[in-house]
N, C-alpha and C. Protein backbone atom coordinates (compact mmCIF):
# COMPACT_ATOMS: atom_id res chain seq x y z
N MET A 1 -14.34 -1.20 -57.98
CA MET A 1 -14.49 -1.06 -57.09
C MET A 1 -13.90 -1.89 -54.96
N PRO A 2 -12.49 -2.34 -55.95
CA PRO A 2 -11.09 -2.24 -55.00
C PRO A 2 -11.51 -0.76 -54.57
N GLY A 3 -11.52 0.82 -54.90
CA GLY A 3 -11.34 1.20 -53.55
C GLY A 3 -12.43 2.09 -53.13
N GLN A 4 -13.28 1.56 -53.21
CA GLN A 4 -14.92 1.85 -52.08
C GLN A 4 -14.43 0.92 -51.00
N PRO A 5 -13.60 0.49 -50.52
CA PRO A 5 -13.60 -0.22 -49.02
C PRO A 5 -12.20 0.50 -48.43
N LEU A 6 -11.43 0.95 -49.03
CA LEU A 6 -10.38 1.44 -48.65
C LEU A 6 -11.16 3.39 -48.41
N ALA A 7 -11.99 3.54 -49.39
CA ALA A 7 -12.48 4.99 -48.94
C ALA A 7 -13.65 5.16 -47.64
N ARG A 8 -13.96 3.69 -47.74
CA ARG A 8 -15.15 3.78 -46.68
C ARG A 8 -14.69 3.75 -45.23
N ARG A 9 -13.22 2.89 -45.13
CA ARG A 9 -12.30 2.41 -43.75
C ARG A 9 -11.59 4.17 -43.76
N THR A 10 -11.12 5.09 -44.10
CA THR A 10 -10.56 6.74 -44.46
C THR A 10 -11.95 7.32 -43.77
N VAL A 11 -13.46 6.80 -44.27
CA VAL A 11 -14.46 7.72 -43.58
C VAL A 11 -14.36 7.44 -42.16
N LEU A 12 -14.77 6.32 -42.14
CA LEU A 12 -14.45 5.70 -40.72
C LEU A 12 -13.32 5.86 -39.51
N LYS A 13 -12.15 6.19 -40.29
CA LYS A 13 -11.07 6.85 -39.28
C LYS A 13 -11.17 8.06 -38.76
N GLY A 14 -11.46 8.98 -40.14
CA GLY A 14 -12.16 10.43 -39.92
C GLY A 14 -13.12 10.35 -38.86
N ALA A 15 -13.93 9.38 -38.84
CA ALA A 15 -14.81 10.04 -37.79
C ALA A 15 -14.63 9.28 -36.81
N ALA A 16 -14.39 8.60 -36.31
CA ALA A 16 -14.07 8.06 -34.89
C ALA A 16 -12.46 9.48 -34.36
N LEU A 17 -11.80 9.73 -35.29
CA LEU A 17 -10.75 10.46 -34.25
C LEU A 17 -11.23 12.01 -34.72
N ALA A 18 -12.79 12.43 -35.63
CA ALA A 18 -12.88 13.35 -35.42
C ALA A 18 -13.93 13.28 -33.73
N GLY A 19 -14.69 12.36 -33.09
CA GLY A 19 -15.17 12.24 -32.10
C GLY A 19 -14.19 11.96 -31.26
N ALA A 20 -13.49 11.64 -31.13
CA ALA A 20 -12.05 11.23 -30.31
C ALA A 20 -11.79 12.91 -29.62
N ALA A 21 -11.66 13.95 -30.67
CA ALA A 21 -11.01 15.57 -30.64
C ALA A 21 -12.16 15.78 -30.13
N GLY A 22 -13.60 15.41 -30.06
CA GLY A 22 -14.44 16.02 -29.57
C GLY A 22 -14.41 16.18 -28.51
N VAL A 23 -14.13 14.72 -27.52
CA VAL A 23 -14.31 14.12 -26.41
C VAL A 23 -13.18 14.94 -25.64
N GLY A 24 -12.04 15.21 -26.05
CA GLY A 24 -10.98 15.51 -25.78
C GLY A 24 -11.41 17.57 -25.45
N ALA A 25 -11.94 18.11 -26.23
CA ALA A 25 -11.80 19.32 -26.04
C ALA A 25 -13.26 19.68 -25.13
N ALA A 26 -13.66 18.17 -25.17
CA ALA A 26 -15.09 19.04 -23.46
C ALA A 26 -14.48 18.28 -22.68
N ALA A 27 -12.96 17.52 -22.17
CA ALA A 27 -12.88 17.48 -21.42
C ALA A 27 -12.27 18.67 -21.19
N CYS A 28 -11.48 19.36 -21.29
CA CYS A 28 -10.80 20.67 -21.14
C CYS A 28 -11.28 22.19 -21.16
N SER A 29 -13.04 21.71 -21.18
CA SER A 29 -13.36 22.63 -21.02
C SER A 29 -13.71 23.82 -20.70
N THR A 30 -13.98 25.44 -20.75
CA THR A 30 -13.62 26.26 -19.67
C THR A 30 -14.94 26.41 -18.90
N GLU A 31 -15.77 25.62 -19.82
CA GLU A 31 -17.70 26.04 -19.01
C GLU A 31 -17.47 25.35 -17.67
N SER A 32 -16.64 24.53 -17.35
CA SER A 32 -16.62 23.98 -16.28
C SER A 32 -16.54 24.72 -14.49
N LYS A 33 -17.42 24.51 -13.46
CA LYS A 33 -17.69 25.18 -12.64
C LYS A 33 -16.84 24.65 -11.58
N LEU A 34 -16.45 23.59 -11.89
CA LEU A 34 -15.65 22.83 -10.67
C LEU A 34 -15.20 21.47 -11.14
N GLY A 35 -14.41 21.86 -12.72
CA GLY A 35 -13.57 20.49 -13.47
C GLY A 35 -14.34 19.20 -12.84
N HIS A 36 -13.35 18.44 -12.69
CA HIS A 36 -14.06 16.70 -12.36
C HIS A 36 -13.57 16.36 -11.59
N ALA A 37 -14.07 17.39 -10.97
CA ALA A 37 -14.19 17.47 -8.96
C ALA A 37 -15.62 16.36 -8.79
N LYS A 38 -15.62 15.91 -8.64
CA LYS A 38 -17.04 14.65 -8.01
C LYS A 38 -17.38 15.58 -6.57
N THR A 39 -16.61 15.69 -6.01
CA THR A 39 -16.48 16.45 -4.42
C THR A 39 -15.33 16.88 -4.58
N PRO A 40 -15.39 18.09 -4.44
CA PRO A 40 -13.79 19.52 -4.33
C PRO A 40 -14.17 19.75 -3.39
N THR A 41 -14.89 19.62 -2.37
CA THR A 41 -14.31 20.00 -0.54
C THR A 41 -14.95 18.85 0.06
N PRO A 42 -13.83 19.00 1.17
CA PRO A 42 -14.39 17.23 1.50
C PRO A 42 -16.29 17.35 2.41
N THR A 43 -16.49 15.69 2.66
CA THR A 43 -17.20 15.00 2.99
C THR A 43 -17.95 14.75 4.30
N ALA A 44 -16.80 15.24 5.06
CA ALA A 44 -16.59 14.91 6.76
C ALA A 44 -15.33 16.10 7.19
N PRO A 45 -15.28 16.04 8.49
CA PRO A 45 -14.38 16.90 8.74
C PRO A 45 -12.70 16.67 8.62
N VAL A 46 -11.52 17.21 8.43
CA VAL A 46 -10.46 16.96 8.17
C VAL A 46 -9.92 17.34 9.07
N ASP A 47 -8.96 16.91 10.32
CA ASP A 47 -7.91 17.06 10.85
C ASP A 47 -6.64 18.40 10.03
N LEU A 48 -6.16 19.13 9.97
CA LEU A 48 -5.02 19.56 9.29
C LEU A 48 -3.95 19.88 9.85
N GLY A 49 -4.16 19.46 11.69
CA GLY A 49 -2.93 19.42 12.31
C GLY A 49 -2.91 21.07 13.08
N ALA A 50 -1.96 21.47 13.47
CA ALA A 50 -1.20 22.97 14.03
C ALA A 50 -2.16 24.31 13.28
N ALA A 51 -2.84 24.81 14.04
CA ALA A 51 -3.07 26.43 13.80
C ALA A 51 -1.97 27.32 13.03
N ASP A 52 -1.01 27.48 14.67
CA ASP A 52 0.34 28.03 14.20
C ASP A 52 0.98 27.45 12.71
N ALA A 53 0.48 26.56 12.54
CA ALA A 53 1.94 25.86 10.88
C ALA A 53 1.29 26.95 10.08
N VAL A 54 -0.22 27.95 10.08
CA VAL A 54 -0.37 28.54 8.91
C VAL A 54 -0.51 30.25 9.45
N PRO A 55 0.78 30.76 8.93
CA PRO A 55 1.59 31.88 9.21
C PRO A 55 0.82 32.76 8.72
N VAL A 56 0.41 33.88 9.72
CA VAL A 56 -0.48 35.22 9.89
C VAL A 56 0.17 36.10 8.67
N GLY A 57 -0.67 35.97 7.42
CA GLY A 57 -1.15 37.45 6.43
C GLY A 57 -0.49 36.42 5.23
N GLY A 58 -0.44 35.07 5.82
CA GLY A 58 -0.26 34.31 4.35
C GLY A 58 -0.74 32.48 4.72
N ALA A 59 -0.66 31.97 3.74
CA ALA A 59 -1.82 30.88 3.21
C ALA A 59 -0.97 29.39 3.86
N LYS A 60 -1.33 28.71 3.68
CA LYS A 60 -0.93 27.08 3.92
C LYS A 60 -1.51 25.92 2.99
N LEU A 61 -0.31 25.05 1.69
CA LEU A 61 -1.76 24.67 0.99
C LEU A 61 -1.42 22.91 1.94
N PHE A 62 -3.00 22.58 1.40
CA PHE A 62 -2.49 20.45 2.48
C PHE A 62 -3.49 19.98 0.86
N ARG A 63 -2.36 20.19 0.62
CA ARG A 63 -2.23 19.31 -0.95
C ARG A 63 -3.15 18.05 -0.70
N GLU A 64 -2.78 16.74 0.26
CA GLU A 64 -3.66 15.78 0.09
C GLU A 64 -4.81 16.02 0.66
N GLN A 65 -5.10 17.56 1.09
CA GLN A 65 -6.85 16.73 1.18
C GLN A 65 -6.95 18.27 0.70
N ARG A 66 -6.52 18.43 -0.26
CA ARG A 66 -7.04 19.34 -1.48
C ARG A 66 -7.38 21.03 -0.89
N LEU A 67 -7.19 21.16 0.54
CA LEU A 67 -7.18 22.33 1.26
C LEU A 67 -6.54 23.46 0.85
N VAL A 68 -6.75 24.63 0.68
CA VAL A 68 -5.80 25.88 0.80
C VAL A 68 -6.33 26.78 2.72
N VAL A 69 -5.81 27.10 3.03
CA VAL A 69 -6.09 28.10 4.03
C VAL A 69 -5.41 28.82 4.18
N SER A 70 -5.87 30.43 4.65
CA SER A 70 -5.37 30.88 4.57
C SER A 70 -5.08 32.02 6.53
N CYS A 71 -5.15 32.96 6.62
CA CYS A 71 -4.65 33.53 8.32
C CYS A 71 -4.78 35.34 7.81
N PRO A 72 -5.59 35.30 7.85
CA PRO A 72 -5.74 36.98 7.21
C PRO A 72 -5.47 37.94 8.75
N ALA A 73 -5.94 36.41 9.99
CA ALA A 73 -5.07 38.11 11.30
C ALA A 73 -5.36 36.71 11.89
N LYS A 74 -4.33 37.24 13.24
CA LYS A 74 -4.32 36.54 14.16
C LYS A 74 -5.31 35.33 14.78
N GLY A 75 -5.64 34.33 14.83
CA GLY A 75 -6.82 33.51 15.06
C GLY A 75 -7.95 33.73 14.17
N GLN A 76 -7.62 34.12 13.00
CA GLN A 76 -8.69 33.68 11.70
C GLN A 76 -7.96 33.02 10.60
N TYR A 77 -9.00 32.31 10.45
CA TYR A 77 -8.75 31.29 9.26
C TYR A 77 -9.70 31.72 8.25
N LYS A 78 -9.11 31.34 7.30
CA LYS A 78 -10.58 31.18 5.39
C LYS A 78 -9.94 29.67 5.26
N ALA A 79 -11.08 28.86 5.27
CA ALA A 79 -9.94 27.78 3.90
C ALA A 79 -11.11 28.20 2.88
N PHE A 80 -9.96 27.11 1.91
CA PHE A 80 -11.07 27.04 0.27
C PHE A 80 -10.69 25.29 -0.36
N SER A 81 -11.33 25.05 -1.27
CA SER A 81 -11.51 23.73 -2.12
C SER A 81 -9.18 23.97 -2.26
N ALA A 82 -8.52 23.42 -2.65
CA ALA A 82 -7.75 23.53 -3.47
C ALA A 82 -7.31 22.78 -5.03
N GLN A 83 -8.66 22.72 -5.47
CA GLN A 83 -9.30 21.96 -6.59
C GLN A 83 -9.39 23.04 -7.71
N CYS A 84 -8.72 23.38 -8.88
CA CYS A 84 -9.31 24.07 -9.54
C CYS A 84 -10.35 23.96 -9.97
N THR A 85 -10.89 25.33 -10.24
CA THR A 85 -12.41 25.11 -11.05
C THR A 85 -12.44 25.41 -12.49
N HIS A 86 -11.26 24.71 -13.41
CA HIS A 86 -11.79 24.53 -14.34
C HIS A 86 -10.99 23.10 -15.33
N ALA A 87 -10.43 22.60 -14.17
CA ALA A 87 -10.14 20.96 -15.31
C ALA A 87 -9.82 20.30 -13.76
N GLY A 88 -10.43 21.07 -12.49
CA GLY A 88 -9.60 19.95 -11.32
C GLY A 88 -8.79 19.41 -10.80
N CYS A 89 -7.73 19.67 -11.62
CA CYS A 89 -6.30 19.32 -10.82
C CYS A 89 -5.98 20.06 -9.28
N VAL A 90 -4.70 20.30 -8.76
CA VAL A 90 -5.09 20.33 -7.34
C VAL A 90 -4.07 20.76 -7.65
N PHE A 91 -3.93 22.46 -6.11
CA PHE A 91 -2.79 23.62 -6.73
C PHE A 91 -1.27 22.31 -6.36
N ASP A 92 -0.37 22.96 -7.12
CA ASP A 92 1.08 22.34 -6.59
C ASP A 92 1.97 23.18 -6.09
N LYS A 93 1.35 24.25 -5.25
CA LYS A 93 2.01 25.81 -4.87
C LYS A 93 1.41 26.38 -3.99
N VAL A 94 1.77 27.18 -2.97
CA VAL A 94 0.63 28.95 -2.46
C VAL A 94 2.15 29.73 -2.83
N GLU A 95 2.06 30.42 -3.35
CA GLU A 95 3.46 31.61 -3.64
C GLU A 95 2.09 33.19 -3.40
N GLY A 96 3.13 32.94 -1.67
CA GLY A 96 1.81 34.78 -1.03
C GLY A 96 0.76 34.03 -0.65
N THR A 97 -0.18 34.76 -1.34
CA THR A 97 -1.86 34.31 -0.97
C THR A 97 -2.36 33.81 -2.35
N GLU A 98 -1.59 33.22 -3.61
CA GLU A 98 -1.93 33.16 -4.90
C GLU A 98 -2.10 31.31 -4.81
N GLY A 99 -2.98 30.39 -5.45
CA GLY A 99 -2.87 28.79 -5.25
C GLY A 99 -2.71 29.16 -6.60
N ASN A 100 -1.59 28.43 -7.55
CA ASN A 100 -1.42 28.25 -8.57
C ASN A 100 -1.76 26.42 -8.85
N CYS A 101 -2.03 26.17 -10.52
CA CYS A 101 -3.12 24.98 -10.52
C CYS A 101 -1.62 25.17 -11.82
N PRO A 102 -1.16 23.91 -11.57
CA PRO A 102 -0.12 23.48 -12.30
C PRO A 102 -0.54 22.54 -13.73
N CYS A 103 -1.77 23.00 -14.24
CA CYS A 103 -2.40 21.53 -15.04
C CYS A 103 -2.33 23.08 -16.29
N HIS A 104 -2.82 24.18 -16.24
CA HIS A 104 -3.22 24.94 -16.79
C HIS A 104 -2.99 26.67 -17.28
N GLY A 105 -2.47 26.38 -15.60
CA GLY A 105 -1.46 27.68 -14.94
C GLY A 105 -2.64 28.56 -14.47
N SER A 106 -4.00 28.09 -13.65
CA SER A 106 -5.19 29.06 -13.02
C SER A 106 -4.29 29.84 -11.74
N ARG A 107 -4.76 30.69 -11.91
CA ARG A 107 -3.85 31.27 -10.63
C ARG A 107 -5.34 31.27 -9.14
N PHE A 108 -5.40 31.36 -8.50
CA PHE A 108 -6.17 32.13 -7.69
C PHE A 108 -5.56 32.83 -5.67
N ASP A 109 -6.12 34.14 -5.56
CA ASP A 109 -6.40 34.64 -4.56
C ASP A 109 -6.82 32.94 -3.87
N VAL A 110 -5.84 32.73 -2.57
CA VAL A 110 -6.19 31.37 -1.65
C VAL A 110 -7.18 32.20 -0.20
N THR A 111 -7.06 33.99 0.07
CA THR A 111 -8.02 35.11 0.56
C THR A 111 -9.58 34.39 0.63
N THR A 112 -9.71 34.82 -0.80
CA THR A 112 -11.14 34.86 -0.49
C THR A 112 -11.57 34.17 -1.93
N GLY A 113 -10.21 33.41 -2.56
CA GLY A 113 -11.13 32.20 -3.99
C GLY A 113 -11.36 32.48 -5.21
N LYS A 114 -10.74 33.65 -5.25
CA LYS A 114 -11.39 34.42 -5.94
C LYS A 114 -10.94 33.96 -7.51
N ALA A 115 -10.46 33.09 -8.79
CA ALA A 115 -10.23 33.57 -9.83
C ALA A 115 -9.03 34.43 -10.72
N LEU A 116 -7.79 34.27 -10.03
CA LEU A 116 -7.02 35.78 -10.57
C LEU A 116 -6.80 35.68 -12.43
N ARG A 117 -6.46 34.28 -13.10
CA ARG A 117 -5.84 34.39 -14.17
C ARG A 117 -6.53 32.93 -15.03
N GLY A 118 -6.81 33.03 -15.63
CA GLY A 118 -7.45 31.97 -16.33
C GLY A 118 -6.61 30.50 -17.21
N PRO A 119 -6.78 29.72 -17.12
CA PRO A 119 -8.43 29.54 -18.09
C PRO A 119 -9.57 29.42 -17.04
N ALA A 120 -9.64 28.91 -15.52
CA ALA A 120 -10.73 29.15 -14.49
C ALA A 120 -11.34 30.42 -14.26
N THR A 121 -12.72 31.11 -14.36
CA THR A 121 -13.11 31.75 -14.38
C THR A 121 -14.08 31.44 -12.34
N ALA A 122 -14.45 30.18 -12.03
CA ALA A 122 -15.16 30.66 -11.49
C ALA A 122 -14.34 31.15 -10.14
N PRO A 123 -15.06 30.71 -9.09
CA PRO A 123 -14.13 30.98 -7.93
C PRO A 123 -14.18 29.47 -7.09
N LEU A 124 -12.97 29.59 -6.62
CA LEU A 124 -13.20 28.27 -5.32
C LEU A 124 -13.85 28.22 -4.25
N PRO A 125 -14.45 26.71 -3.99
CA PRO A 125 -15.71 26.57 -3.28
C PRO A 125 -14.60 27.03 -1.91
N GLU A 126 -16.22 27.98 -0.78
CA GLU A 126 -15.40 28.12 0.58
C GLU A 126 -15.44 26.68 1.40
N VAL A 127 -14.86 26.73 2.56
CA VAL A 127 -14.66 25.42 3.48
C VAL A 127 -14.62 25.40 4.33
N PRO A 128 -15.82 25.45 5.58
CA PRO A 128 -15.77 25.68 6.84
C PRO A 128 -14.83 25.65 7.66
N VAL A 129 -13.87 26.22 8.07
CA VAL A 129 -12.89 25.90 8.44
C VAL A 129 -13.28 26.47 10.30
N LYS A 130 -12.50 26.34 11.92
CA LYS A 130 -11.97 25.97 13.16
C LYS A 130 -10.79 25.62 13.46
N VAL A 131 -10.44 26.75 14.64
CA VAL A 131 -9.52 25.88 15.71
C VAL A 131 -9.85 24.93 16.46
N THR A 132 -9.59 24.17 16.81
CA THR A 132 -10.73 23.15 18.20
C THR A 132 -9.75 23.82 19.67
N ASP A 133 -10.31 23.64 20.54
CA ASP A 133 -10.15 23.96 21.84
C ASP A 133 -8.39 23.12 22.03
N ASP A 134 -8.24 22.15 21.60
CA ASP A 134 -6.09 22.15 21.34
C ASP A 134 -5.69 22.62 20.55
N GLY A 135 -6.06 23.85 19.87
CA GLY A 135 -5.38 24.59 19.11
C GLY A 135 -5.13 23.52 17.41
N LYS A 136 -6.06 22.70 16.90
CA LYS A 136 -5.86 22.30 15.98
C LYS A 136 -6.37 22.56 14.49
N LEU A 137 -6.84 22.90 13.52
CA LEU A 137 -7.48 23.17 12.27
C LEU A 137 -8.69 22.02 11.58
N VAL A 138 -9.97 22.43 12.07
CA VAL A 138 -10.49 21.35 11.63
C VAL A 138 -11.44 21.96 10.83
N ALA A 139 -11.18 21.29 9.00
CA ALA A 139 -12.44 21.96 8.29
C ALA A 139 -13.23 21.13 7.65
N GLY A 140 -14.26 21.16 7.05
CA GLY A 140 -15.16 20.32 6.27
C GLY A 140 -16.29 21.15 7.06
N PRO A 141 -17.27 19.95 6.94
CA PRO A 141 -19.01 19.97 7.36
C PRO A 141 -18.51 19.84 8.98
N ASP A 142 -19.29 20.97 9.84
CA ASP A 142 -19.73 20.77 10.89
C ASP A 142 -18.12 21.31 11.57
N ALA A 143 -17.34 22.10 10.50
CA ALA A 143 -16.55 23.12 10.90
C ALA A 143 -16.67 24.46 11.68
């Protein structure tokens, strides 16, 4: 009988650890389409500053606003969420026209939103963007 409580404790500890491992695996699931982001795109218009800060033929990361904006031609802008569709991490940098997720190494084409390298497979959500009369970029609803 003295061996039974120890065996029971061992079984219970093992069950608890297995449950915790399952939760960890679910948190890093590649099935996610929006990662952990509850709102990966702005719910209100966001002022991003001067439009000419985004280079023609390039892109700029607005990390605090979780957005990336590209400028394929003078006066034309495209914006996407800068939040990885795998686990919801915000990009740490944009190199050329590729956004980098620092958490698991996913890469995205910031001119199209397409996932270029996994584990992310879903594209970035597009965000409406416009240039105001005073030359500022505004992204989000009603942009």
